[in-house]
Amino acid sequence: MGRRARPKADLDTELADLPPELRWREWMGRVEAVIFASPEPVTREVLTRVVGRGCNLDLVIDDIRDELRGRPYELVSVAGGWQHRARKNFAEAIRAAGGDKALSQTEALILACIAYYQPINRSELSSFFGKEVSRDTIGRLRGLRFIASGARSPQPGAPYTYVTTRAFLSHFGLETLRDLPDMEALEDAGLLSKDKVLAGEFPDSLPAHDEDQDDDEKAADWTETG
């Protein structure tokens, strides 16, 4: 059976009958409404469906952001689109109300490992941490939609690997994985290598007195909401 064509929406996007100022305000309202109504970041492609051909989306977004100054939420660019997000200074209040996706330190470290070394399977994660990573922990991260199954590993048994998702990028306020903390610096320094980590080849060039502090800070960063 062929796919059913989606009905074309009868929406006047050009708004040629409106004065320029009212037309702009209507475009702003439409863009903000679409973003507000979506649980996921909204892409440029989607937003162009509700505005005219002469609408500069970047300027519309800038004007919406200006109007949200002083509000407890803002319009941010994450995961290849735009999304309304609570401002970071309200994170404590949101956590107190039970409205965030708090991670334990173990979950945060495992998620960080998946983010940096993906695709990676559960046995590789277990080798990384020196103890078995439980299926329950993987299930918890999957339930939060932070990770998903990737391609099967070429190892015996062809286990599934794990990769991060757009929901992961959105939650932590990242546009792409290139925005992960110090990722490029670690790569340039030759410190970011799954093969070396799994072989037990840990770098010894980091100052010894900073290692524990760095680990604590990284764990704290991953438990914060974006």
C-alpha atoms as a PDB file:
ATOM      1  CA  MET A   1       0.000   0.000   0.000  1.00  0.00           C
ATOM      2  CA  GLY A   2       1.435   3.396  -0.955  1.00  0.00           C
ATOM      3  CA  ARG A   3       1.917   6.181   1.541  1.00  0.00           C
ATOM      4  CA  ARG A   4      -0.982   8.569   1.821  1.00  0.00           C
ATOM      5  CA  ALA A   5      -0.155  12.101   0.779  1.00  0.00           C
ATOM      6  CA  ARG A   6      -0.380  14.655   3.548  1.00  0.00           C
ATOM      7  CA  PRO A   7      -3.152  17.203   2.943  1.00  0.00           C
ATOM      8  CA  LYS A   8      -1.822  20.618   2.067  1.00  0.00           C
ATOM      9  CA  ALA A   9      -2.517  23.090   4.846  1.00  0.00           C
ATOM     10  CA  ASP A  10      -4.656  26.023   3.780  1.00  0.00           C
ATOM     11  CA  LEU A  11      -2.491  28.631   5.490  1.00  0.00           C
ATOM     12  CA  ASP A  12      -1.814  32.092   4.149  1.00  0.00           C
ATOM     13  CA  THR A  13       1.919  32.427   4.749  1.00  0.00           C
ATOM     14  CA  GLU A  14       2.526  35.594   2.729  1.00  0.00           C
ATOM     15  CA  LEU A  15      -0.093  37.722   4.534  1.00  0.00           C
ATOM     16  CA  ALA A  16       0.056  40.253   1.714  1.00  0.00           C
ATOM     17  CA  ASP A  17      -3.116  42.023   2.944  1.00  0.00           C
ATOM     18  CA  LEU A  18      -1.480  43.018   6.237  1.00  0.00           C
ATOM     19  CA  PRO A  19       0.713  46.082   6.798  1.00  0.00           C
ATOM     20  CA  PRO A  20       4.403  45.156   7.166  1.00  0.00           C
ATOM     21  CA  GLU A  21       4.448  45.641  10.948  1.00  0.00           C
ATOM     22  CA  LEU A  22       1.389  43.456  11.551  1.00  0.00           C
ATOM     23  CA  ARG A  23       2.677  40.870   9.089  1.00  0.00           C
ATOM     24  CA  TRP A  24       5.945  40.642  11.040  1.00  0.00           C
ATOM     25  CA  ARG A  25       4.099  40.320  14.339  1.00  0.00           C
ATOM     26  CA  GLU A  26       1.972  37.505  12.917  1.00  0.00           C
ATOM     27  CA  TRP A  27       5.065  35.680  11.683  1.00  0.00           C
ATOM     28  CA  MET A  28       6.666  36.063  15.097  1.00  0.00           C
ATOM     29  CA  GLY A  29       3.545  34.702  16.769  1.00  0.00           C
ATOM     30  CA  ARG A  30       3.372  31.711  14.457  1.00  0.00           C
ATOM     31  CA  VAL A  31       7.040  30.831  14.917  1.00  0.00           C
ATOM     32  CA  GLU A  32       6.854  31.085  18.693  1.00  0.00           C
ATOM     33  CA  ALA A  33       3.594  29.097  18.828  1.00  0.00           C
ATOM     34  CA  VAL A  34       5.023  26.253  16.747  1.00  0.00           C
ATOM     35  CA  ILE A  35       8.146  26.085  18.912  1.00  0.00           C
ATOM     36  CA  PHE A  36       6.130  26.297  22.121  1.00  0.00           C
ATOM     37  CA  ALA A  37       3.800  23.484  21.045  1.00  0.00           C
ATOM     38  CA  SER A  38       6.607  21.092  20.115  1.00  0.00           C
ATOM     39  CA  PRO A  39       8.284  18.790  22.680  1.00  0.00           C
ATOM     40  CA  GLU A  40      11.347  18.619  20.406  1.00  0.00           C
ATOM     41  CA  PRO A  41      13.559  21.324  18.895  1.00  0.00           C
ATOM     42  CA  VAL A  42      11.904  22.727  15.774  1.00  0.00           C
ATOM     43  CA  THR A  43      14.031  22.943  12.642  1.00  0.00           C
ATOM     44  CA  ARG A  44      14.285  25.798  10.182  1.00  0.00           C
ATOM     45  CA  GLU A  45      12.610  23.633   7.548  1.00  0.00           C
ATOM     46  CA  VAL A  46       9.502  23.261   9.703  1.00  0.00           C
ATOM     47  CA  LEU A  47       9.299  26.943  10.572  1.00  0.00           C
ATOM     48  CA  THR A  48       9.489  28.024   6.934  1.00  0.00           C
ATOM     49  CA  ARG A  49       6.108  26.339   6.424  1.00  0.00           C
ATOM     50  CA  VAL A  50       4.305  28.973   8.506  1.00  0.00           C
ATOM     51  CA  VAL A  51       5.956  32.194   7.285  1.00  0.00           C
ATOM     52  CA  GLY A  52       6.265  33.943   3.943  1.00  0.00           C
ATOM     53  CA  ARG A  53       9.107  33.672   1.488  1.00  0.00           C
ATOM     54  CA  GLY A  54      10.309  37.143   2.409  1.00  0.00           C
ATOM     55  CA  CYS A  55      10.534  36.340   6.128  1.00  0.00           C
ATOM     56  CA  ASN A  56      14.018  36.300   7.650  1.00  0.00           C
ATOM     57  CA  LEU A  57      13.730  33.588  10.309  1.00  0.00           C
ATOM     58  CA  ASP A  58      16.931  34.601  12.062  1.00  0.00           C
ATOM     59  CA  LEU A  59      15.584  38.114  12.606  1.00  0.00           C
ATOM     60  CA  VAL A  60      12.243  36.711  13.790  1.00  0.00           C
ATOM     61  CA  ILE A  61      14.071  34.543  16.326  1.00  0.00           C
ATOM     62  CA  ASP A  62      16.118  37.545  17.485  1.00  0.00           C
ATOM     63  CA  ASP A  63      12.950  39.596  18.023  1.00  0.00           C
ATOM     64  CA  ILE A  64      11.293  36.771  19.974  1.00  0.00           C
ATOM     65  CA  ARG A  65      14.377  36.451  22.165  1.00  0.00           C
ATOM     66  CA  ASP A  66      14.319  40.191  22.837  1.00  0.00           C
ATOM     67  CA  GLU A  67      10.702  39.960  23.990  1.00  0.00           C
ATOM     68  CA  LEU A  68      11.549  37.082  26.345  1.00  0.00           C
ATOM     69  CA  ARG A  69      14.208  39.035  28.227  1.00  0.00           C
ATOM     70  CA  GLY A  70      13.324  39.032  31.890  1.00  0.00           C
ATOM     71  CA  ARG A  71      11.172  35.932  31.567  1.00  0.00           C
ATOM     72  CA  PRO A  72      12.139  32.664  33.346  1.00  0.00           C
ATOM     73  CA  TYR A  73      12.442  30.913  29.987  1.00  0.00           C
ATOM     74  CA  GLU A  74      14.222  31.669  26.735  1.00  0.00           C
ATOM     75  CA  LEU A  75      14.460  30.555  23.126  1.00  0.00           C
ATOM     76  CA  VAL A  76      17.630  28.548  22.513  1.00  0.00           C
ATOM     77  CA  SER A  77      19.275  26.909  19.528  1.00  0.00           C
ATOM     78  CA  VAL A  78      19.827  23.208  20.246  1.00  0.00           C
ATOM     79  CA  ALA A  79      20.039  19.918  18.331  1.00  0.00           C
ATOM     80  CA  GLY A  80      19.631  21.571  14.944  1.00  0.00           C
ATOM     81  CA  GLY A  81      16.536  23.579  15.843  1.00  0.00           C
ATOM     82  CA  TRP A  82      14.977  25.973  18.348  1.00  0.00           C
ATOM     83  CA  GLN A  83      13.289  25.208  21.648  1.00  0.00           C
ATOM     84  CA  HIS A  84      11.884  27.025  24.674  1.00  0.00           C
ATOM     85  CA  ARG A  85      14.006  26.287  27.745  1.00  0.00           C
ATOM     86  CA  ALA A  86      13.936  27.397  31.359  1.00  0.00           C
ATOM     87  CA  ARG A  87      16.824  29.694  32.202  1.00  0.00           C
ATOM     88  CA  LYS A  88      19.700  28.035  34.029  1.00  0.00           C
ATOM     89  CA  ASN A  89      19.338  30.187  37.139  1.00  0.00           C
ATOM     90  CA  PHE A  90      15.974  28.470  37.749  1.00  0.00           C
ATOM     91  CA  ALA A  91      17.474  24.948  37.610  1.00  0.00           C
ATOM     92  CA  GLU A  92      17.459  24.588  41.403  1.00  0.00           C
ATOM     93  CA  ALA A  93      13.771  25.483  41.627  1.00  0.00           C
ATOM     94  CA  ILE A  94      12.936  23.018  38.846  1.00  0.00           C
ATOM     95  CA  ARG A  95      14.872  20.237  40.585  1.00  0.00           C
ATOM     96  CA  ALA A  96      13.097  20.996  43.882  1.00  0.00           C
ATOM     97  CA  ALA A  97       9.772  20.627  42.093  1.00  0.00           C
ATOM     98  CA  GLY A  98      10.844  17.311  40.582  1.00  0.00           C
ATOM     99  CA  GLY A  99      10.670  18.684  37.083  1.00  0.00           C
ATOM    100  CA  ASP A 100      14.072  17.668  35.727  1.00  0.00           C
ATOM    101  CA  LYS A 101      15.735  14.465  34.559  1.00  0.00           C
ATOM    102  CA  ALA A 102      18.322  14.165  37.309  1.00  0.00           C
ATOM    103  CA  LEU A 103      21.078  11.624  36.789  1.00  0.00           C
ATOM    104  CA  SER A 104      23.086   9.794  39.403  1.00  0.00           C
ATOM    105  CA  GLN A 105      26.856  10.211  39.250  1.00  0.00           C
ATOM    106  CA  THR A 106      27.207   6.722  37.753  1.00  0.00           C
ATOM    107  CA  GLU A 107      24.565   7.403  35.099  1.00  0.00           C
ATOM    108  CA  ALA A 108      26.174  10.735  34.272  1.00  0.00           C
ATOM    109  CA  LEU A 109      29.620   9.198  33.806  1.00  0.00           C
ATOM    110  CA  ILE A 110      28.277   6.370  31.641  1.00  0.00           C
ATOM    111  CA  LEU A 111      26.336   8.846  29.517  1.00  0.00           C
ATOM    112  CA  ALA A 112      29.454  10.987  29.127  1.00  0.00           C
ATOM    113  CA  CYS A 113      31.416   7.928  28.048  1.00  0.00           C
ATOM    114  CA  ILE A 114      28.804   7.023  25.442  1.00  0.00           C
ATOM    115  CA  ALA A 115      28.734  10.616  24.179  1.00  0.00           C
ATOM    116  CA  TYR A 116      32.496  10.795  23.681  1.00  0.00           C
ATOM    117  CA  TYR A 117      33.183   7.256  22.440  1.00  0.00           C
ATOM    118  CA  GLN A 118      30.034   6.353  20.521  1.00  0.00           C
ATOM    119  CA  PRO A 119      29.249   3.949  19.042  1.00  0.00           C
ATOM    120  CA  ILE A 120      30.189   1.810  22.051  1.00  0.00           C
ATOM    121  CA  ASN A 121      28.697  -1.428  23.361  1.00  0.00           C
ATOM    122  CA  ARG A 122      27.985  -2.485  26.937  1.00  0.00           C
ATOM    123  CA  SER A 123      31.028  -4.729  27.283  1.00  0.00           C
ATOM    124  CA  GLU A 124      33.262  -1.857  26.157  1.00  0.00           C
ATOM    125  CA  LEU A 125      31.602   0.403  28.714  1.00  0.00           C
ATOM    126  CA  SER A 126      32.218  -2.233  31.376  1.00  0.00           C
ATOM    127  CA  SER A 127      35.892  -2.436  30.355  1.00  0.00           C
ATOM    128  CA  PHE A 128      36.144   1.341  30.566  1.00  0.00           C
ATOM    129  CA  PHE A 129      34.845   1.477  34.144  1.00  0.00           C
ATOM    130  CA  GLY A 130      36.440  -1.761  35.333  1.00  0.00           C
ATOM    131  CA  LYS A 131      33.097  -3.238  36.381  1.00  0.00           C
ATOM    132  CA  GLU A 132      29.944  -4.371  34.678  1.00  0.00           C
ATOM    133  CA  VAL A 133      27.576  -1.671  33.462  1.00  0.00           C
ATOM    134  CA  SER A 134      24.131  -2.980  34.315  1.00  0.00           C
ATOM    135  CA  ARG A 135      21.298  -3.385  31.844  1.00  0.00           C
ATOM    136  CA  ASP A 136      19.161  -1.382  34.274  1.00  0.00           C
ATOM    137  CA  THR A 137      21.458   1.633  33.893  1.00  0.00           C
ATOM    138  CA  ILE A 138      21.352   1.377  30.111  1.00  0.00           C
ATOM    139  CA  GLY A 139      17.573   1.004  30.327  1.00  0.00           C
ATOM    140  CA  ARG A 140      17.310   4.120  32.480  1.00  0.00           C
ATOM    141  CA  LEU A 141      19.291   6.191  29.937  1.00  0.00           C
ATOM    142  CA  ARG A 142      17.198   4.760  27.113  1.00  0.00           C
ATOM    143  CA  GLY A 143      14.025   5.553  29.042  1.00  0.00           C
ATOM    144  CA  LEU A 144      15.143   9.181  29.300  1.00  0.00           C
ATOM    145  CA  ARG A 145      15.702   9.056  25.514  1.00  0.00           C
ATOM    146  CA  PHE A 146      19.320  10.161  25.970  1.00  0.00           C
ATOM    147  CA  ILE A 147      20.674   7.086  24.154  1.00  0.00           C
ATOM    148  CA  ALA A 148      19.488   4.678  21.484  1.00  0.00           C
ATOM    149  CA  SER A 149      20.751   1.532  19.820  1.00  0.00           C
ATOM    150  CA  GLY A 150      23.370   2.041  17.143  1.00  0.00           C
ATOM    151  CA  ALA A 151      24.845  -0.387  14.650  1.00  0.00           C
ATOM    152  CA  ARG A 152      25.860  -3.849  15.764  1.00  0.00           C
ATOM    153  CA  SER A 153      29.464  -4.201  16.850  1.00  0.00           C
ATOM    154  CA  PRO A 154      31.809  -6.390  14.755  1.00  0.00           C
ATOM    155  CA  GLN A 155      32.747  -8.246  17.952  1.00  0.00           C
ATOM    156  CA  PRO A 156      31.678 -11.890  18.500  1.00  0.00           C
ATOM    157  CA  GLY A 157      27.935 -12.073  19.042  1.00  0.00           C
ATOM    158  CA  ALA A 158      27.455  -8.747  17.221  1.00  0.00           C
ATOM    159  CA  PRO A 159      26.214  -6.826  20.287  1.00  0.00           C
ATOM    160  CA  TYR A 160      24.326  -3.591  19.772  1.00  0.00           C
ATOM    161  CA  THR A 161      26.220  -0.371  20.291  1.00  0.00           C
ATOM    162  CA  TYR A 162      24.809   2.758  21.918  1.00  0.00           C
ATOM    163  CA  VAL A 163      24.719   6.298  20.609  1.00  0.00           C
ATOM    164  CA  THR A 164      23.337   9.568  21.914  1.00  0.00           C
ATOM    165  CA  THR A 165      20.154  11.115  20.527  1.00  0.00           C
ATOM    166  CA  ARG A 166      18.738  14.503  19.602  1.00  0.00           C
ATOM    167  CA  ALA A 167      16.990  14.446  22.986  1.00  0.00           C
ATOM    168  CA  PHE A 168      20.450  14.237  24.575  1.00  0.00           C
ATOM    169  CA  LEU A 169      21.632  17.266  22.610  1.00  0.00           C
ATOM    170  CA  SER A 170      18.472  19.159  23.470  1.00  0.00           C
ATOM    171  CA  HIS A 171      18.596  18.372  27.189  1.00  0.00           C
ATOM    172  CA  PHE A 172      22.195  19.482  27.568  1.00  0.00           C
ATOM    173  CA  GLY A 173      21.841  22.530  25.324  1.00  0.00           C
ATOM    174  CA  LEU A 174      24.135  21.325  22.548  1.00  0.00           C
ATOM    175  CA  GLU A 175      23.840  22.044  18.846  1.00  0.00           C
ATOM    176  CA  THR A 176      26.010  19.081  17.834  1.00  0.00           C
ATOM    177  CA  LEU A 177      28.396  16.621  19.496  1.00  0.00           C
ATOM    178  CA  ARG A 178      31.178  19.034  18.558  1.00  0.00           C
ATOM    179  CA  ASP A 179      29.882  21.237  21.375  1.00  0.00           C
ATOM    180  CA  LEU A 180      30.802  18.655  24.019  1.00  0.00           C
ATOM    181  CA  PRO A 181      33.250  20.147  26.555  1.00  0.00           C
ATOM    182  CA  ASP A 182      36.809  20.272  25.207  1.00  0.00           C
ATOM    183  CA  MET A 183      36.141  17.568  22.629  1.00  0.00           C
ATOM    184  CA  GLU A 184      38.304  19.126  19.925  1.00  0.00           C
ATOM    185  CA  ALA A 185      41.081  19.892  22.397  1.00  0.00           C
ATOM    186  CA  LEU A 186      41.092  16.297  23.605  1.00  0.00           C
ATOM    187  CA  GLU A 187      41.192  15.006  20.041  1.00  0.00           C
ATOM    188  CA  ASP A 188      44.000  17.386  19.065  1.00  0.00           C
ATOM    189  CA  ALA A 189      46.002  16.326  22.114  1.00  0.00           C
ATOM    190  CA  GLY A 190      45.533  12.658  21.263  1.00  0.00           C
ATOM    191  CA  LEU A 191      43.720  12.007  24.560  1.00  0.00           C
ATOM    192  CA  LEU A 192      40.339  11.118  23.087  1.00  0.00           C
ATOM    193  CA  SER A 193      40.727   7.586  21.811  1.00  0.00           C
ATOM    194  CA  LYS A 194      38.404   4.717  22.656  1.00  0.00           C
ATOM    195  CA  ASP A 195      40.994   2.184  21.509  1.00  0.00           C
ATOM    196  CA  LYS A 196      43.624   3.565  23.901  1.00  0.00           C
ATOM    197  CA  VAL A 197      41.198   3.714  26.813  1.00  0.00           C
ATOM    198  CA  LEU A 198      40.012   0.136  26.286  1.00  0.00           C
ATOM    199  CA  ALA A 199      43.649  -0.991  26.027  1.00  0.00           C
ATOM    200  CA  GLY A 200      44.375   0.644  29.378  1.00  0.00           C
ATOM    201  CA  GLU A 201      46.532   3.374  27.876  1.00  0.00           C
ATOM    202  CA  PHE A 202      45.535   6.344  30.019  1.00  0.00           C
ATOM    203  CA  PRO A 203      47.440   9.611  29.523  1.00  0.00           C
ATOM    204  CA  ASP A 204      49.904  10.559  32.251  1.00  0.00           C
ATOM    205  CA  SER A 205      50.375  14.148  31.137  1.00  0.00           C
ATOM    206  CA  LEU A 206      47.583  15.586  33.284  1.00  0.00           C
ATOM    207  CA  PRO A 207      48.637  17.208  36.561  1.00  0.00           C
ATOM    208  CA  ALA A 208      48.090  14.635  39.303  1.00  0.00           C
ATOM    209  CA  HIS A 209      46.596  17.129  41.721  1.00  0.00           C
ATOM    210  CA  ASP A 210      43.917  18.133  39.218  1.00  0.00           C
ATOM    211  CA  GLU A 211      42.645  14.676  38.233  1.00  0.00           C
ATOM    212  CA  ASP A 212      40.208  14.138  41.119  1.00  0.00           C
ATOM    213  CA  GLN A 213      38.933  17.680  40.870  1.00  0.00           C
ATOM    214  CA  ASP A 214      38.419  17.376  37.109  1.00  0.00           C
ATOM    215  CA  ASP A 215      36.453  14.130  37.551  1.00  0.00           C
ATOM    216  CA  ASP A 216      34.182  15.718  40.158  1.00  0.00           C
ATOM    217  CA  GLU A 217      33.570  18.762  37.993  1.00  0.00           C
ATOM    218  CA  LYS A 218      32.772  16.643  34.912  1.00  0.00           C
ATOM    219  CA  ALA A 219      30.317  14.517  36.874  1.00  0.00           C
ATOM    220  CA  ALA A 220      28.628  17.647  38.202  1.00  0.00           C
ATOM    221  CA  ASP A 221      28.361  19.116  34.710  1.00  0.00           C
ATOM    222  CA  TRP A 222      26.591  16.039  33.365  1.00  0.00           C
ATOM    223  CA  THR A 223      24.045  16.044  36.191  1.00  0.00           C
ATOM    224  CA  GLU A 224      22.997  19.629  35.466  1.00  0.00           C
ATOM    225  CA  THR A 225      20.026  20.305  33.222  1.00  0.00           C
ATOM    226  CA  GLY A 226      20.754  22.220  30.050  1.00  0.00           C
END
